[in-house]
Amino acid sequence: MEQRLDFYKASPGALKAMLGLEEQVSTSGLEKSLLELVRLRASQINGCAFCLDMHVTDARKNGESERRLATLSAWRETPFFTDRERAALEWTESLTLVAQDHVPDATWQAVKPYFTDAEIADLTLLIVAINGWNRFAIAFRKMPA
């Protein structure tokens, strides 16, 4: 597969806007391990090879276990994730697949006890950002290094 377009060069303004989202997320106070789990789960759902490769590498550098990485797509079926992480993963799946279920009340009720209002807003921004990156990378066939 060949890259269609180098979107970094094609629109520096678009890249700058996406990096602005990342800046907010990085200063949000959400745990780095949680950030990577969310990025990975959305990228799994979207099938973004570039983002999966990058975020698995980043998660490993931050000390994430191989066991959790290997079972992330089946997080509901394992005891390896905290209740807070489970809530974030459920929120991630619902927002990533928003056209399917429009984020039901049950999902909201699952996330609300584990995050402050500000954290939910920042978690949502993280999910918006990774879904945006996935769409850029998939549409333009960005290849893993």
Protein backbone atom coordinates (compact mmCIF):
# COMPACT_ATOMS: atom_id res chain seq x y z
CA MET A 1 0.00 0.00 0.00
CA GLU A 2 1.31 3.41 -0.92
CA GLN A 3 0.76 6.66 0.96
CA ARG A 4 -1.73 8.86 -0.86
CA LEU A 5 -0.87 12.22 0.65
CA ASP A 6 1.50 13.61 3.25
CA PHE A 7 -1.10 15.53 5.23
CA TYR A 8 1.59 17.03 7.47
CA LYS A 9 2.94 18.92 4.46
CA ALA A 10 -0.34 19.36 2.59
CA SER A 11 -1.99 21.40 5.33
CA PRO A 12 0.27 22.72 8.08
CA GLY A 13 -2.78 24.48 9.55
CA ALA A 14 -4.68 21.21 9.92
CA LEU A 15 -1.64 19.64 11.58
CA LYS A 16 -1.35 22.62 13.92
CA ALA A 17 -5.03 22.32 14.87
CA MET A 18 -4.66 18.60 15.63
CA LEU A 19 -1.55 19.27 17.71
CA GLY A 20 -3.54 21.86 19.65
CA LEU A 21 -5.96 19.10 20.68
CA GLU A 22 -3.00 16.97 21.76
CA GLU A 23 -1.57 19.84 23.82
CA GLN A 24 -4.81 20.16 25.79
CA VAL A 25 -4.96 16.41 26.33
CA SER A 26 -1.33 16.24 27.49
CA THR A 27 -1.95 18.90 30.15
CA SER A 28 -5.28 17.48 31.30
CA GLY A 29 -3.94 15.46 34.20
CA LEU A 30 -5.33 12.18 32.86
CA GLU A 31 -2.92 9.32 33.46
CA LYS A 32 -0.48 8.61 30.61
CA SER A 33 -1.34 4.91 30.73
CA LEU A 34 -5.04 5.75 30.34
CA LEU A 35 -4.30 8.07 27.41
CA GLU A 36 -2.52 5.27 25.57
CA LEU A 37 -5.19 2.67 26.32
CA VAL A 38 -7.85 4.99 24.91
CA ARG A 39 -5.77 5.79 21.83
CA LEU A 40 -5.13 2.11 21.24
CA ARG A 41 -8.74 1.03 21.70
CA ALA A 42 -10.11 3.64 19.30
CA SER A 43 -7.37 2.78 16.79
CA GLN A 44 -8.25 -0.93 17.07
CA ILE A 45 -11.91 -0.18 16.35
CA ASN A 46 -10.99 2.06 13.42
CA GLY A 47 -8.33 -0.30 12.06
CA CYS A 48 -5.57 2.31 11.95
CA ALA A 49 -2.26 0.46 11.55
CA PHE A 50 -0.13 3.60 11.79
CA CYS A 51 -1.72 4.71 15.08
CA LEU A 52 -1.72 1.20 16.54
CA ASP A 53 1.99 0.83 15.83
CA MET A 54 2.81 4.24 17.32
CA HIS A 55 0.68 3.91 20.45
CA VAL A 56 1.70 0.33 21.25
CA THR A 57 5.30 1.55 21.11
CA ASP A 58 4.48 4.55 23.32
CA ALA A 59 2.55 2.38 25.80
CA ARG A 60 5.47 -0.03 26.11
CA LYS A 61 7.88 2.87 26.68
CA ASN A 62 5.59 4.05 29.49
CA GLY A 63 5.69 0.61 31.13
CA GLU A 64 2.44 -0.90 29.90
CA SER A 65 2.38 -4.70 30.23
CA GLU A 66 2.28 -7.01 27.24
CA ARG A 67 -0.60 -8.85 28.85
CA ARG A 68 -2.81 -5.76 28.94
CA LEU A 69 -1.81 -4.75 25.42
CA ALA A 70 -2.62 -8.23 24.13
CA THR A 71 -6.05 -8.29 25.74
CA LEU A 72 -7.16 -4.69 25.23
CA SER A 73 -9.61 -5.59 22.47
CA ALA A 74 -11.27 -8.00 24.94
CA TRP A 75 -11.04 -5.74 28.01
CA ARG A 76 -14.51 -6.73 29.22
CA GLU A 77 -13.42 -10.36 29.44
CA THR A 78 -10.28 -9.83 31.55
CA PRO A 79 -9.47 -8.79 35.12
CA PHE A 80 -6.48 -6.70 33.98
CA PHE A 81 -8.09 -3.25 33.86
CA THR A 82 -9.24 -1.00 36.70
CA ASP A 83 -12.81 0.21 37.02
CA ARG A 84 -11.68 3.69 35.94
CA GLU A 85 -9.97 2.26 32.85
CA ARG A 86 -13.04 0.15 32.05
CA ALA A 87 -15.24 3.23 32.24
CA ALA A 88 -12.88 5.12 29.92
CA LEU A 89 -12.76 2.22 27.47
CA GLU A 90 -16.55 1.98 27.41
CA TRP A 91 -16.76 5.75 26.79
CA THR A 92 -14.13 5.40 24.04
CA GLU A 93 -16.02 2.65 22.26
CA SER A 94 -19.33 4.47 22.46
CA LEU A 95 -17.91 7.75 21.13
CA THR A 96 -15.87 6.03 18.43
CA LEU A 97 -18.98 4.15 17.28
CA VAL A 98 -21.31 7.10 17.92
CA ALA A 99 -23.43 6.46 14.82
CA GLN A 100 -24.41 3.04 16.17
CA ASP A 101 -25.77 3.90 19.60
CA HIS A 102 -25.48 7.67 20.12
CA VAL A 103 -23.81 7.24 23.54
CA PRO A 104 -26.60 5.72 25.61
CA ASP A 105 -27.43 6.83 29.13
CA ALA A 106 -26.03 3.57 30.51
CA THR A 107 -22.61 4.50 29.13
CA TRP A 108 -22.83 7.93 30.71
CA GLN A 109 -23.79 6.33 34.02
CA ALA A 110 -20.78 3.99 33.73
CA VAL A 111 -18.25 6.79 33.22
CA LYS A 112 -19.64 9.45 35.58
CA PRO A 113 -18.56 7.89 38.92
CA TYR A 114 -14.91 7.58 37.88
CA PHE A 115 -14.18 10.99 36.36
CA THR A 116 -14.76 14.61 37.27
CA ASP A 117 -16.67 16.78 34.80
CA ALA A 118 -13.38 18.30 33.59
CA GLU A 119 -11.85 14.85 33.16
CA ILE A 120 -14.86 13.67 31.14
CA ALA A 121 -14.51 16.70 28.88
CA ASP A 122 -10.77 16.04 28.44
CA LEU A 123 -11.34 12.30 27.94
CA THR A 124 -13.89 13.17 25.26
CA LEU A 125 -11.40 15.52 23.61
CA LEU A 126 -8.81 12.71 23.63
CA ILE A 127 -11.29 10.43 21.88
CA VAL A 128 -12.15 13.14 19.36
CA ALA A 129 -8.43 13.66 18.70
CA ILE A 130 -7.50 10.00 18.20
CA ASN A 131 -10.50 9.45 15.96
CA GLY A 132 -9.37 12.47 13.92
CA TRP A 133 -5.80 11.16 13.68
CA ASN A 134 -7.15 7.74 12.67
CA ARG A 135 -9.16 9.28 9.89
CA PHE A 136 -6.23 11.27 8.56
CA ALA A 137 -3.92 8.24 8.68
CA ILE A 138 -6.42 5.82 7.16
CA ALA A 139 -7.67 8.17 4.43
CA PHE A 140 -4.17 9.05 3.29
CA ARG A 141 -2.66 5.58 3.91
CA LYS A 142 0.02 6.73 6.37
CA MET A 143 2.32 3.77 6.89
CA PRO A 144 4.02 2.70 10.11
CA ALA A 145 7.72 3.58 10.15
